[in-house]
Amino acid sequence: MFKGLGNLASMVKQAQQIGARMQGMADELRTRRATGSAGGGLVEFEVNGVGEVLRCRFDPKLFEQPDRELLEDLTLAAVNDALAKCRQLHAEAMQQATGGIELPGLNDMLGKLMSGDDKPEAS
């Protein structure tokens, strides 16, 4: 009747260890940086590992002959490039934290930890 309790206790302990590693990982990701660029470096955006935009830079050449549409397109491309690199940082950190083990719901839980949203979702 109580054979499975040892396994359950072990699983709970492992889950707690992973939770602690995930919190540390979220803190670490806040210090990591990724830079996205577009137009051969004419536009650059820097984000941290949790997707917060930290810096943007526009080459002064873009303003010599203002082309709003080009500036908008380059801005979107640079931001998307930076966010793609941010997701890569996140994936690498997840793999490191879990030792490569895929755990259902772990990405969602980490996303909530990193965003500071630990409230249950409304149904």
PDB file of N, CA and C in Angstrom:
ATOM      1  N   MET A   1       0.813  -1.188   0.000  1.00  0.00           N
ATOM      2  CA  MET A   1       0.000   0.000   0.000  1.00  0.00           C
ATOM      3  C   MET A   1       0.865   1.264   0.000  1.00  0.00           C
ATOM      4  N   PHE A   2       1.993   1.276   0.728  1.00  0.00           N
ATOM      5  CA  PHE A   2       2.835   2.465   0.838  1.00  0.00           C
ATOM      6  C   PHE A   2       4.097   2.368   0.004  1.00  0.00           C
ATOM      7  N   LYS A   3       4.148   1.404  -0.918  1.00  0.00           N
ATOM      8  CA  LYS A   3       5.346   1.227  -1.745  1.00  0.00           C
ATOM      9  C   LYS A   3       5.659   2.471  -2.580  1.00  0.00           C
ATOM     10  N   GLY A   4       4.659   3.097  -3.120  1.00  0.00           N
ATOM     11  CA  GLY A   4       4.852   4.237  -4.004  1.00  0.00           C
ATOM     12  C   GLY A   4       5.219   5.527  -3.299  1.00  0.00           C
ATOM     13  N   LEU A   5       5.103   5.590  -1.977  1.00  0.00           N
ATOM     14  CA  LEU A   5       5.379   6.831  -1.254  1.00  0.00           C
ATOM     15  C   LEU A   5       6.847   7.237  -1.344  1.00  0.00           C
ATOM     16  N   GLY A   6       7.752   6.265  -1.351  1.00  0.00           N
ATOM     17  CA  GLY A   6       9.174   6.587  -1.489  1.00  0.00           C
ATOM     18  C   GLY A   6       9.448   7.247  -2.822  1.00  0.00           C
ATOM     19  N   ASN A   7       8.846   6.710  -3.879  1.00  0.00           N
ATOM     20  CA  ASN A   7       9.014   7.305  -5.213  1.00  0.00           C
ATOM     21  C   ASN A   7       8.394   8.692  -5.274  1.00  0.00           C
ATOM     22  N   LEU A   8       7.244   8.850  -4.654  1.00  0.00           N
ATOM     23  CA  LEU A   8       6.563  10.144  -4.640  1.00  0.00           C
ATOM     24  C   LEU A   8       7.401  11.183  -3.906  1.00  0.00           C
ATOM     25  N   ALA A   9       7.962  10.801  -2.766  1.00  0.00           N
ATOM     26  CA  ALA A   9       8.796  11.721  -1.996  1.00  0.00           C
ATOM     27  C   ALA A   9      10.020  12.130  -2.810  1.00  0.00           C
ATOM     28  N   SER A  10      10.594  11.182  -3.524  1.00  0.00           N
ATOM     29  CA  SER A  10      11.755  11.469  -4.363  1.00  0.00           C
ATOM     30  C   SER A  10      11.378  12.433  -5.489  1.00  0.00           C
ATOM     31  N   MET A  11      10.217  12.218  -6.090  1.00  0.00           N
ATOM     32  CA  MET A  11       9.757  13.095  -7.171  1.00  0.00           C
ATOM     33  C   MET A  11       9.501  14.509  -6.646  1.00  0.00           C
ATOM     34  N   VAL A  12       8.914  14.609  -5.461  1.00  0.00           N
ATOM     35  CA  VAL A  12       8.633  15.925  -4.869  1.00  0.00           C
ATOM     36  C   VAL A  12       9.946  16.646  -4.588  1.00  0.00           C
ATOM     37  N   LYS A  13      10.933  15.932  -4.065  1.00  0.00           N
ATOM     38  CA  LYS A  13      12.236  16.527  -3.780  1.00  0.00           C
ATOM     39  C   LYS A  13      12.887  17.032  -5.064  1.00  0.00           C
ATOM     40  N   GLN A  14      12.819  16.223  -6.137  1.00  0.00           N
ATOM     41  CA  GLN A  14      13.385  16.630  -7.420  1.00  0.00           C
ATOM     42  C   GLN A  14      12.661  17.863  -7.963  1.00  0.00           C
ATOM     43  N   ALA A  15      11.349  17.890  -7.823  1.00  0.00           N
ATOM     44  CA  ALA A  15      10.570  19.035  -8.306  1.00  0.00           C
ATOM     45  C   ALA A  15      10.961  20.302  -7.542  1.00  0.00           C
ATOM     46  N   GLN A  16      11.187  20.184  -6.244  1.00  0.00           N
ATOM     47  CA  GLN A  16      11.599  21.344  -5.452  1.00  0.00           C
ATOM     48  C   GLN A  16      12.980  21.834  -5.884  1.00  0.00           C
ATOM     49  N   GLN A  17      13.876  20.907  -6.162  1.00  0.00           N
ATOM     50  CA  GLN A  17      15.213  21.276  -6.617  1.00  0.00           C
ATOM     51  C   GLN A  17      15.146  21.983  -7.963  1.00  0.00           C
ATOM     52  N   ILE A  18      14.318  21.469  -8.863  1.00  0.00           N
ATOM     53  CA  ILE A  18      14.159  22.099 -10.176  1.00  0.00           C
ATOM     54  C   ILE A  18      13.549  23.481 -10.025  1.00  0.00           C
ATOM     55  N   GLY A  19      12.569  23.626  -9.123  1.00  0.00           N
ATOM     56  CA  GLY A  19      11.956  24.930  -8.875  1.00  0.00           C
ATOM     57  C   GLY A  19      12.978  25.949  -8.396  1.00  0.00           C
ATOM     58  N   ALA A  20      13.861  25.528  -7.506  1.00  0.00           N
ATOM     59  CA  ALA A  20      14.904  26.430  -7.013  1.00  0.00           C
ATOM     60  C   ALA A  20      15.862  26.797  -8.138  1.00  0.00           C
ATOM     61  N   ARG A  21      16.215  25.815  -8.975  1.00  0.00           N
ATOM     62  CA  ARG A  21      17.100  26.104 -10.103  1.00  0.00           C
ATOM     63  C   ARG A  21      16.430  27.051 -11.087  1.00  0.00           C
ATOM     64  N   MET A  22      15.120  26.882 -11.277  1.00  0.00           N
ATOM     65  CA  MET A  22      14.399  27.741 -12.219  1.00  0.00           C
ATOM     66  C   MET A  22      14.381  29.181 -11.730  1.00  0.00           C
ATOM     67  N   GLN A  23      14.203  29.384 -10.428  1.00  0.00           N
ATOM     68  CA  GLN A  23      14.209  30.751  -9.897  1.00  0.00           C
ATOM     69  C   GLN A  23      15.580  31.374 -10.099  1.00  0.00           C
ATOM     70  N   GLY A  24      16.622  30.594  -9.838  1.00  0.00           N
ATOM     71  CA  GLY A  24      17.971  31.085 -10.071  1.00  0.00           C
ATOM     72  C   GLY A  24      18.209  31.382 -11.536  1.00  0.00           C
ATOM     73  N   MET A  25      17.635  30.538 -12.398  1.00  0.00           N
ATOM     74  CA  MET A  25      17.786  30.726 -13.837  1.00  0.00           C
ATOM     75  C   MET A  25      17.090  32.015 -14.280  1.00  0.00           C
ATOM     76  N   ALA A  26      15.927  32.294 -13.727  1.00  0.00           N
ATOM     77  CA  ALA A  26      15.211  33.523 -14.087  1.00  0.00           C
ATOM     78  C   ALA A  26      16.038  34.738 -13.689  1.00  0.00           C
ATOM     79  N   ASP A  27      16.656  34.665 -12.501  1.00  0.00           N
ATOM     80  CA  ASP A  27      17.513  35.769 -12.063  1.00  0.00           C
ATOM     81  C   ASP A  27      18.709  35.919 -12.992  1.00  0.00           C
ATOM     82  N   GLU A  28      19.301  34.800 -13.375  1.00  0.00           N
ATOM     83  CA  GLU A  28      20.455  34.812 -14.285  1.00  0.00           C
ATOM     84  C   GLU A  28      20.054  35.382 -15.652  1.00  0.00           C
ATOM     85  N   LEU A  29      18.884  34.983 -16.158  1.00  0.00           N
ATOM     86  CA  LEU A  29      18.452  35.458 -17.475  1.00  0.00           C
ATOM     87  C   LEU A  29      18.241  36.975 -17.487  1.00  0.00           C
ATOM     88  N   ARG A  30      17.883  37.534 -16.358  1.00  0.00           N
ATOM     89  CA  ARG A  30      17.722  38.986 -16.290  1.00  0.00           C
ATOM     90  C   ARG A  30      19.053  39.704 -16.517  1.00  0.00           C
ATOM     91  N   THR A  31      20.158  39.015 -16.267  1.00  0.00           N
ATOM     92  CA  THR A  31      21.479  39.629 -16.453  1.00  0.00           C
ATOM     93  C   THR A  31      22.076  39.338 -17.824  1.00  0.00           C
ATOM     94  N   ARG A  32      21.508  38.376 -18.545  1.00  0.00           N
ATOM     95  CA  ARG A  32      22.036  38.016 -19.870  1.00  0.00           C
ATOM     96  C   ARG A  32      21.519  38.995 -20.903  1.00  0.00           C
ATOM     97  N   ARG A  33      22.267  39.162 -21.991  1.00  0.00           N
ATOM     98  CA  ARG A  33      21.918  40.123 -23.034  1.00  0.00           C
ATOM     99  C   ARG A  33      21.926  39.465 -24.401  1.00  0.00           C
ATOM    100  N   ALA A  34      21.037  39.932 -25.260  1.00  0.00           N
ATOM    101  CA  ALA A  34      20.998  39.507 -26.662  1.00  0.00           C
ATOM    102  C   ALA A  34      20.743  40.759 -27.498  1.00  0.00           C
ATOM    103  N   THR A  35      21.446  40.861 -28.612  1.00  0.00           N
ATOM    104  CA  THR A  35      21.280  42.023 -29.487  1.00  0.00           C
ATOM    105  C   THR A  35      20.769  41.561 -30.838  1.00  0.00           C
ATOM    106  N   GLY A  36      19.714  42.202 -31.293  1.00  0.00           N
ATOM    107  CA  GLY A  36      19.176  41.944 -32.620  1.00  0.00           C
ATOM    108  C   GLY A  36      19.430  43.146 -33.504  1.00  0.00           C
ATOM    109  N   SER A  37      19.672  42.880 -34.777  1.00  0.00           N
ATOM    110  CA  SER A  37      19.934  43.998 -35.682  1.00  0.00           C
ATOM    111  C   SER A  37      19.238  43.763 -37.012  1.00  0.00           C
ATOM    112  N   ALA A  38      19.152  44.836 -37.778  1.00  0.00           N
ATOM    113  CA  ALA A  38      18.553  44.776 -39.116  1.00  0.00           C
ATOM    114  C   ALA A  38      19.228  45.826 -39.980  1.00  0.00           C
ATOM    115  N   GLY A  39      19.132  45.618 -41.286  1.00  0.00           N
ATOM    116  CA  GLY A  39      19.692  46.581 -42.229  1.00  0.00           C
ATOM    117  C   GLY A  39      21.202  46.665 -42.128  1.00  0.00           C
ATOM    118  N   GLY A  40      21.842  45.520 -41.890  1.00  0.00           N
ATOM    119  CA  GLY A  40      23.293  45.527 -41.788  1.00  0.00           C
ATOM    120  C   GLY A  40      23.802  46.320 -40.602  1.00  0.00           C
ATOM    121  N   GLY A  41      23.027  46.343 -39.516  1.00  0.00           N
ATOM    122  CA  GLY A  41      23.441  47.057 -38.316  1.00  0.00           C
ATOM    123  C   GLY A  41      22.923  48.482 -38.227  1.00  0.00           C
ATOM    124  N   LEU A  42      22.061  48.886 -39.169  1.00  0.00           N
ATOM    125  CA  LEU A  42      21.510  50.246 -39.114  1.00  0.00           C
ATOM    126  C   LEU A  42      20.601  50.439 -37.895  1.00  0.00           C
ATOM    127  N   VAL A  43      19.944  49.334 -37.483  1.00  0.00           N
ATOM    128  CA  VAL A  43      19.070  49.383 -36.314  1.00  0.00           C
ATOM    129  C   VAL A  43      19.453  48.218 -35.416  1.00  0.00           C
ATOM    130  N   GLU A  44      19.612  48.499 -34.126  1.00  0.00           N
ATOM    131  CA  GLU A  44      19.937  47.462 -33.154  1.00  0.00           C
ATOM    132  C   GLU A  44      19.059  47.607 -31.919  1.00  0.00           C
ATOM    133  N   PHE A  45      18.644  46.474 -31.375  1.00  0.00           N
ATOM    134  CA  PHE A  45      17.912  46.437 -30.116  1.00  0.00           C
ATOM    135  C   PHE A  45      18.581  45.424 -29.221  1.00  0.00           C
ATOM    136  N   GLU A  46      18.744  45.801 -27.958  1.00  0.00           N
ATOM    137  CA  GLU A  46      19.315  44.892 -26.962  1.00  0.00           C
ATOM    138  C   GLU A  46      18.213  44.525 -25.975  1.00  0.00           C
ATOM    139  N   VAL A  47      18.092  43.236 -25.693  1.00  0.00           N
ATOM    140  CA  VAL A  47      17.111  42.743 -24.725  1.00  0.00           C
ATOM    141  C   VAL A  47      17.840  41.895 -23.696  1.00  0.00           C
ATOM    142  N   ASN A  48      17.205  41.712 -22.544  1.00  0.00           N
ATOM    143  CA  ASN A  48      17.772  40.769 -21.588  1.00  0.00           C
ATOM    144  C   ASN A  48      17.142  39.400 -21.822  1.00  0.00           C
ATOM    145  N   GLY A  49      17.546  38.416 -21.035  1.00  0.00           N
ATOM    146  CA  GLY A  49      17.088  37.044 -21.240  1.00  0.00           C
ATOM    147  C   GLY A  49      15.624  36.805 -20.945  1.00  0.00           C
ATOM    148  N   VAL A  50      14.935  37.782 -20.374  1.00  0.00           N
ATOM    149  CA  VAL A  50      13.501  37.637 -20.136  1.00  0.00           C
ATOM    150  C   VAL A  50      12.684  38.506 -21.089  1.00  0.00           C
ATOM    151  N   GLY A  51      13.351  39.073 -22.099  1.00  0.00           N
ATOM    152  CA  GLY A  51      12.636  39.773 -23.159  1.00  0.00           C
ATOM    153  C   GLY A  51      12.370  41.247 -22.926  1.00  0.00           C
ATOM    154  N   GLU A  52      12.996  41.837 -21.930  1.00  0.00           N
ATOM    155  CA  GLU A  52      12.825  43.274 -21.703  1.00  0.00           C
ATOM    156  C   GLU A  52      13.793  44.033 -22.606  1.00  0.00           C
ATOM    157  N   VAL A  53      13.271  45.025 -23.323  1.00  0.00           N
ATOM    158  CA  VAL A  53      14.122  45.835 -24.202  1.00  0.00           C
ATOM    159  C   VAL A  53      14.922  46.788 -23.316  1.00  0.00           C
ATOM    160  N   LEU A  54      16.243  46.756 -23.477  1.00  0.00           N
ATOM    161  CA  LEU A  54      17.138  47.561 -22.652  1.00  0.00           C
ATOM    162  C   LEU A  54      17.716  48.755 -23.395  1.00  0.00           C
ATOM    163  N   ARG A  55      17.891  48.606 -24.707  1.00  0.00           N
ATOM    164  CA  ARG A  55      18.558  49.665 -25.469  1.00  0.00           C
ATOM    165  C   ARG A  55      18.154  49.552 -26.925  1.00  0.00           C
ATOM    166  N   CYS A  56      18.083  50.692 -27.591  1.00  0.00           N
ATOM    167  CA  CYS A  56      17.897  50.693 -29.040  1.00  0.00           C
ATOM    168  C   CYS A  56      18.861  51.718 -29.635  1.00  0.00           C
ATOM    169  N   ARG A  57      19.311  51.428 -30.844  1.00  0.00           N
ATOM    170  CA  ARG A  57      20.257  52.319 -31.515  1.00  0.00           C
ATOM    171  C   ARG A  57      19.885  52.399 -32.990  1.00  0.00           C
ATOM    172  N   PHE A  58      19.841  53.604 -33.502  1.00  0.00           N
ATOM    173  CA  PHE A  58      19.571  53.848 -34.918  1.00  0.00           C
ATOM    174  C   PHE A  58      20.778  54.552 -35.508  1.00  0.00           C
ATOM    175  N   ASP A  59      21.269  54.057 -36.619  1.00  0.00           N
ATOM    176  CA  ASP A  59      22.392  54.700 -37.298  1.00  0.00           C
ATOM    177  C   ASP A  59      21.912  56.053 -37.815  1.00  0.00           C
ATOM    178  N   PRO A  60      22.685  57.109 -37.602  1.00  0.00           N
ATOM    179  CA  PRO A  60      22.281  58.453 -38.057  1.00  0.00           C
ATOM    180  C   PRO A  60      21.996  58.522 -39.561  1.00  0.00           C
ATOM    181  N   LYS A  61      22.577  57.618 -40.358  1.00  0.00           N
ATOM    182  CA  LYS A  61      22.319  57.606 -41.805  1.00  0.00           C
ATOM    183  C   LYS A  61      20.837  57.439 -42.116  1.00  0.00           C
ATOM    184  N   LEU A  62      20.117  56.755 -41.219  1.00  0.00           N
ATOM    185  CA  LEU A  62      18.685  56.536 -41.448  1.00  0.00           C
ATOM    186  C   LEU A  62      17.893  57.836 -41.465  1.00  0.00           C
ATOM    187  N   PHE A  63      18.420  58.871 -40.855  1.00  0.00           N
ATOM    188  CA  PHE A  63      17.681  60.119 -40.742  1.00  0.00           C
ATOM    189  C   PHE A  63      18.109  61.161 -41.770  1.00  0.00           C
ATOM    190  N   GLU A  64      19.108  60.816 -42.571  1.00  0.00           N
ATOM    191  CA  GLU A  64      19.548  61.754 -43.612  1.00  0.00           C
ATOM    192  C   GLU A  64      18.479  61.922 -44.678  1.00  0.00           C
ATOM    193  N   GLN A  65      17.884  60.823 -45.086  1.00  0.00           N
ATOM    194  CA  GLN A  65      16.747  60.848 -46.006  1.00  0.00           C
ATOM    195  C   GLN A  65      15.635  60.039 -45.349  1.00  0.00           C
ATOM    196  N   PRO A  66      14.867  60.684 -44.491  1.00  0.00           N
ATOM    197  CA  PRO A  66      13.884  59.962 -43.688  1.00  0.00           C
ATOM    198  C   PRO A  66      12.916  59.141 -44.550  1.00  0.00           C
ATOM    199  N   ASP A  67      12.846  57.885 -44.227  1.00  0.00           N
ATOM    200  CA  ASP A  67      11.901  56.978 -44.876  1.00  0.00           C
ATOM    201  C   ASP A  67      11.199  56.226 -43.749  1.00  0.00           C
ATOM    202  N   ARG A  68      10.050  56.749 -43.336  1.00  0.00           N
ATOM    203  CA  ARG A  68       9.328  56.203 -42.196  1.00  0.00           C
ATOM    204  C   ARG A  68       9.059  54.719 -42.350  1.00  0.00           C
ATOM    205  N   GLU A  69       8.640  54.303 -43.535  1.00  0.00           N
ATOM    206  CA  GLU A  69       8.312  52.897 -43.766  1.00  0.00           C
ATOM    207  C   GLU A  69       9.544  51.997 -43.590  1.00  0.00           C
ATOM    208  N   LEU A  70      10.674  52.434 -44.102  1.00  0.00           N
ATOM    209  CA  LEU A  70      11.919  51.667 -43.953  1.00  0.00           C
ATOM    210  C   LEU A  70      12.302  51.584 -42.476  1.00  0.00           C
ATOM    211  N   LEU A  71      12.202  52.699 -41.760  1.00  0.00           N
ATOM    212  CA  LEU A  71      12.541  52.727 -40.340  1.00  0.00           C
ATOM    213  C   LEU A  71      11.635  51.775 -39.552  1.00  0.00           C
ATOM    214  N   GLU A  72      10.352  51.782 -39.857  1.00  0.00           N
ATOM    215  CA  GLU A  72       9.418  50.878 -39.189  1.00  0.00           C
ATOM    216  C   GLU A  72       9.775  49.417 -39.469  1.00  0.00           C
ATOM    217  N   ASP A  73      10.052  49.097 -40.724  1.00  0.00           N
ATOM    218  CA  ASP A  73      10.392  47.722 -41.098  1.00  0.00           C
ATOM    219  C   ASP A  73      11.679  47.263 -40.427  1.00  0.00           C
ATOM    220  N   LEU A  74      12.699  48.126 -40.431  1.00  0.00           N
ATOM    221  CA  LEU A  74      13.966  47.771 -39.799  1.00  0.00           C
ATOM    222  C   LEU A  74      13.813  47.615 -38.284  1.00  0.00           C
ATOM    223  N   THR A  75      12.993  48.463 -37.686  1.00  0.00           N
ATOM    224  CA  THR A  75      12.761  48.375 -36.240  1.00  0.00           C
ATOM    225  C   THR A  75      12.110  47.037 -35.894  1.00  0.00           C
ATOM    226  N   LEU A  76      11.059  46.678 -36.629  1.00  0.00           N
ATOM    227  CA  LEU A  76      10.394  45.392 -36.368  1.00  0.00           C
ATOM    228  C   LEU A  76      11.353  44.218 -36.557  1.00  0.00           C
ATOM    229  N   ALA A  77      12.135  44.258 -37.624  1.00  0.00           N
ATOM    230  CA  ALA A  77      13.070  43.169 -37.894  1.00  0.00           C
ATOM    231  C   ALA A  77      14.120  43.057 -36.784  1.00  0.00           C
ATOM    232  N   ALA A  78      14.640  44.183 -36.309  1.00  0.00           N
ATOM    233  CA  ALA A  78      15.657  44.159 -35.259  1.00  0.00           C
ATOM    234  C   ALA A  78      15.084  43.663 -33.932  1.00  0.00           C
ATOM    235  N   VAL A  79      13.887  44.114 -33.589  1.00  0.00           N
ATOM    236  CA  VAL A  79      13.246  43.663 -32.353  1.00  0.00           C
ATOM    237  C   VAL A  79      12.975  42.161 -32.429  1.00  0.00           C
ATOM    238  N   ASN A  80      12.441  41.699 -33.544  1.00  0.00           N
ATOM    239  CA  ASN A  80      12.164  40.269 -33.685  1.00  0.00           C
ATOM    240  C   ASN A  80      13.448  39.442 -33.637  1.00  0.00           C
ATOM    241  N   ASP A  81      14.527  39.954 -34.202  1.00  0.00           N
ATOM    242  CA  ASP A  81      15.813  39.263 -34.146  1.00  0.00           C
ATOM    243  C   ASP A  81      16.292  39.170 -32.694  1.00  0.00           C
ATOM    244  N   ALA A  82      16.184  40.261 -31.946  1.00  0.00           N
ATOM    245  CA  ALA A  82      16.603  40.263 -30.545  1.00  0.00           C
ATOM    246  C   ALA A  82      15.756  39.298 -29.724  1.00  0.00           C
ATOM    247  N   LEU A  83      14.449  39.274 -29.961  1.00  0.00           N
ATOM    248  CA  LEU A  83      13.577  38.380 -29.208  1.00  0.00           C
ATOM    249  C   LEU A  83      13.825  36.913 -29.555  1.00  0.00           C
ATOM    250  N   ALA A  84      14.158  36.624 -30.805  1.00  0.00           N
ATOM    251  CA  ALA A  84      14.509  35.249 -31.189  1.00  0.00           C
ATOM    252  C   ALA A  84      15.765  34.805 -30.439  1.00  0.00           C
ATOM    253  N   LYS A  85      16.731  35.701 -30.316  1.00  0.00           N
ATOM    254  CA  LYS A  85      17.955  35.373 -29.564  1.00  0.00           C
ATOM    255  C   LYS A  85      17.648  35.223 -28.077  1.00  0.00           C
ATOM    256  N   CYS A  86      16.715  36.011 -27.576  1.00  0.00           N
ATOM    257  CA  CYS A  86      16.279  35.890 -26.190  1.00  0.00           C
ATOM    258  C   CYS A  86      15.654  34.513 -25.953  1.00  0.00           C
ATOM    259  N   ARG A  87      14.809  34.063 -26.869  1.00  0.00           N
ATOM    260  CA  ARG A  87      14.196  32.738 -26.739  1.00  0.00           C
ATOM    261  C   ARG A  87      15.259  31.645 -26.747  1.00  0.00           C
ATOM    262  N   GLN A  88      16.319  31.839 -27.533  1.00  0.00           N
ATOM    263  CA  GLN A  88      17.414  30.869 -27.561  1.00  0.00           C
ATOM    264  C   GLN A  88      18.124  30.833 -26.210  1.00  0.00           C
ATOM    265  N   LEU A  89      18.375  32.004 -25.614  1.00  0.00           N
ATOM    266  CA  LEU A  89      18.974  32.052 -24.275  1.00  0.00           C
ATOM    267  C   LEU A  89      18.097  31.299 -23.280  1.00  0.00           C
ATOM    268  N   HIS A  90      16.797  31.517 -23.382  1.00  0.00           N
ATOM    269  CA  HIS A  90      15.817  30.875 -22.510  1.00  0.00           C
ATOM    270  C   HIS A  90      15.866  29.359 -22.682  1.00  0.00           C
ATOM    271  N   ALA A  91      15.884  28.893 -23.924  1.00  0.00           N
ATOM    272  CA  ALA A  91      15.906  27.455 -24.192  1.00  0.00           C
ATOM    273  C   ALA A  91      17.188  26.814 -23.660  1.00  0.00           C
ATOM    274  N   GLU A  92      18.311  27.487 -23.844  1.00  0.00           N
ATOM    275  CA  GLU A  92      19.583  26.963 -23.343  1.00  0.00           C
ATOM    276  C   GLU A  92      19.574  26.891 -21.821  1.00  0.00           C
ATOM    277  N   ALA A  93      19.027  27.919 -21.175  1.00  0.00           N
ATOM    278  CA  ALA A  93      18.959  27.932 -19.721  1.00  0.00           C
ATOM    279  C   ALA A  93      18.034  26.831 -19.214  1.00  0.00           C
ATOM    280  N   MET A  94      16.924  26.601 -19.911  1.00  0.00           N
ATOM    281  CA  MET A  94      15.990  25.533 -19.537  1.00  0.00           C
ATOM    282  C   MET A  94      16.673  24.180 -19.621  1.00  0.00           C
ATOM    283  N   GLN A  95      17.399  23.950 -20.689  1.00  0.00           N
ATOM    284  CA  GLN A  95      18.072  22.671 -20.863  1.00  0.00           C
ATOM    285  C   GLN A  95      19.109  22.472 -19.762  1.00  0.00           C
ATOM    286  N   GLN A  96      19.819  23.528 -19.421  1.00  0.00           N
ATOM    287  CA  GLN A  96      20.824  23.442 -18.367  1.00  0.00           C
ATOM    288  C   GLN A  96      20.165  23.170 -17.010  1.00  0.00           C
ATOM    289  N   ALA A  97      19.054  23.837 -16.732  1.00  0.00           N
ATOM    290  CA  ALA A  97      18.379  23.692 -15.438  1.00  0.00           C
ATOM    291  C   ALA A  97      17.773  22.310 -15.249  1.00  0.00           C
ATOM    292  N   THR A  98      17.310  21.715 -16.334  1.00  0.00           N
ATOM    293  CA  THR A  98      16.631  20.421 -16.215  1.00  0.00           C
ATOM    294  C   THR A  98      17.513  19.262 -16.637  1.00  0.00           C
ATOM    295  N   GLY A  99      18.738  19.539 -17.007  1.00  0.00           N
ATOM    296  CA  GLY A  99      19.618  18.465 -17.464  1.00  0.00           C
ATOM    297  C   GLY A  99      19.135  17.850 -18.756  1.00  0.00           C
ATOM    298  N   GLY A 100      18.386  18.610 -19.551  1.00  0.00           N
ATOM    299  CA  GLY A 100      17.896  18.127 -20.835  1.00  0.00           C
ATOM    300  C   GLY A 100      16.587  17.366 -20.745  1.00  0.00           C
ATOM    301  N   ILE A 101      16.052  17.192 -19.543  1.00  0.00           N
ATOM    302  CA  ILE A 101      14.803  16.447 -19.361  1.00  0.00           C
ATOM    303  C   ILE A 101      13.631  17.345 -19.744  1.00  0.00           C
ATOM    304  N   GLU A 102      12.748  16.840 -20.581  1.00  0.00           N
ATOM    305  CA  GLU A 102      11.538  17.575 -20.953  1.00  0.00           C
ATOM    306  C   GLU A 102      10.450  17.281 -19.924  1.00  0.00           C
ATOM    307  N   LEU A 103      10.025  18.289 -19.186  1.00  0.00           N
ATOM    308  CA  LEU A 103       8.981  18.122 -18.188  1.00  0.00           C
ATOM    309  C   LEU A 103       7.747  18.909 -18.618  1.00  0.00           C
ATOM    310  N   PRO A 104       6.581  18.240 -18.678  1.00  0.00           N
ATOM    311  CA  PRO A 104       5.359  18.929 -19.096  1.00  0.00           C
ATOM    312  C   PRO A 104       5.048  20.119 -18.192  1.00  0.00           C
ATOM    313  N   GLY A 105       4.744  21.255 -18.798  1.00  0.00           N
ATOM    314  CA  GLY A 105       4.352  22.447 -18.056  1.00  0.00           C
ATOM    315  C   GLY A 105       5.509  23.269 -17.515  1.00  0.00           C
ATOM    316  N   LEU A 106       6.747  22.775 -17.663  1.00  0.00           N
ATOM    317  CA  LEU A 106       7.893  23.484 -17.103  1.00  0.00           C
ATOM    318  C   LEU A 106       8.117  24.831 -17.782  1.00  0.00           C
ATOM    319  N   ASN A 107       7.980  24.885 -19.095  1.00  0.00           N
ATOM    320  CA  ASN A 107       8.156  26.152 -19.805  1.00  0.00           C
ATOM    321  C   ASN A 107       7.136  27.192 -19.344  1.00  0.00           C
ATOM    322  N   ASP A 108       5.884  26.771 -19.153  1.00  0.00           N
ATOM    323  CA  ASP A 108       4.853  27.702 -18.688  1.00  0.00           C
ATOM    324  C   ASP A 108       5.176  28.223 -17.291  1.00  0.00           C
ATOM    325  N   MET A 109       5.622  27.313 -16.422  1.00  0.00           N
ATOM    326  CA  MET A 109       5.941  27.710 -15.061  1.00  0.00           C
ATOM    327  C   MET A 109       7.105  28.694 -15.046  1.00  0.00           C
ATOM    328  N   LEU A 110       8.140  28.433 -15.850  1.00  0.00           N
ATOM    329  CA  LEU A 110       9.282  29.337 -15.890  1.00  0.00           C
ATOM    330  C   LEU A 110       8.867  30.687 -16.461  1.00  0.00           C
ATOM    331  N   GLY A 111       8.024  30.668 -17.485  1.00  0.00           N
ATOM    332  CA  GLY A 111       7.552  31.917 -18.065  1.00  0.00           C
ATOM    333  C   GLY A 111       6.850  32.782 -17.025  1.00  0.00           C
ATOM    334  N   LYS A 112       6.075  32.149 -16.155  1.00  0.00           N
ATOM    335  CA  LYS A 112       5.388  32.896 -15.098  1.00  0.00           C
ATOM    336  C   LYS A 112       6.381  33.416 -14.065  1.00  0.00           C
ATOM    337  N   LEU A 113       7.373  32.587 -13.727  1.00  0.00           N
ATOM    338  CA  LEU A 113       8.395  33.032 -12.781  1.00  0.00           C
ATOM    339  C   LEU A 113       9.138  34.244 -13.313  1.00  0.00           C
ATOM    340  N   MET A 114       9.506  34.198 -14.577  1.00  0.00           N
ATOM    341  CA  MET A 114      10.299  35.266 -15.169  1.00  0.00           C
ATOM    342  C   MET A 114       9.490  36.531 -15.337  1.00  0.00           C
ATOM    343  N   SER A 115       8.194  36.404 -15.536  1.00  0.00           N
ATOM    344  CA  SER A 115       7.378  37.604 -15.713  1.00  0.00           C
ATOM    345  C   SER A 115       6.888  38.153 -14.379  1.00  0.00           C
ATOM    346  N   GLY A 116       7.107  37.376 -13.315  1.00  0.00           N
ATOM    347  CA  GLY A 116       6.634  37.809 -12.002  1.00  0.00           C
ATOM    348  C   GLY A 116       5.161  37.534 -11.814  1.00  0.00           C
ATOM    349  N   ASP A 117       4.548  36.819 -12.742  1.00  0.00           N
ATOM    350  CA  ASP A 117       3.125  36.509 -12.682  1.00  0.00           C
ATOM    351  C   ASP A 117       2.941  35.142 -12.059  1.00  0.00           C
ATOM    352  N   ASP A 118       2.811  35.092 -10.742  1.00  0.00           N
ATOM    353  CA  ASP A 118       2.634  33.814 -10.088  1.00  0.00           C
ATOM    354  C   ASP A 118       1.185  33.604  -9.666  1.00  0.00           C
ATOM    355  N   LYS A 119       0.276  34.428 -10.184  1.00  0.00           N
ATOM    356  CA  LYS A 119      -1.129  34.293  -9.878  1.00  0.00           C
ATOM    357  C   LYS A 119      -1.749  33.255 -10.805  1.00  0.00           C
ATOM    358  N   PRO A 120      -2.662  32.451 -10.312  1.00  0.00           N
ATOM    359  CA  PRO A 120      -3.319  31.480 -11.193  1.00  0.00           C
ATOM    360  C   PRO A 120      -4.137  32.193 -12.265  1.00  0.00           C
ATOM    361  N   GLU A 121      -4.229  31.556 -13.416  1.00  0.00           N
ATOM    362  CA  GLU A 121      -4.988  32.140 -14.513  1.00  0.00           C
ATOM    363  C   GLU A 121      -6.476  32.106 -14.200  1.00  0.00           C
ATOM    364  N   ALA A 122      -7.182  33.139 -14.613  1.00  0.00           N
ATOM    365  CA  ALA A 122      -8.634  33.177 -14.439  1.00  0.00           C
ATOM    366  C   ALA A 122      -9.283  32.302 -15.484  1.00  0.00           C
ATOM    367  N   SER A 123     -10.333  31.605 -15.071  1.00  0.00           N
ATOM    368  CA  SER A 123     -11.006  30.741 -16.046  1.00  0.00           C
ATOM    369  C   SER A 123     -12.303  31.304 -16.519  1.00  0.00           C
TER     370      SER A 123
END
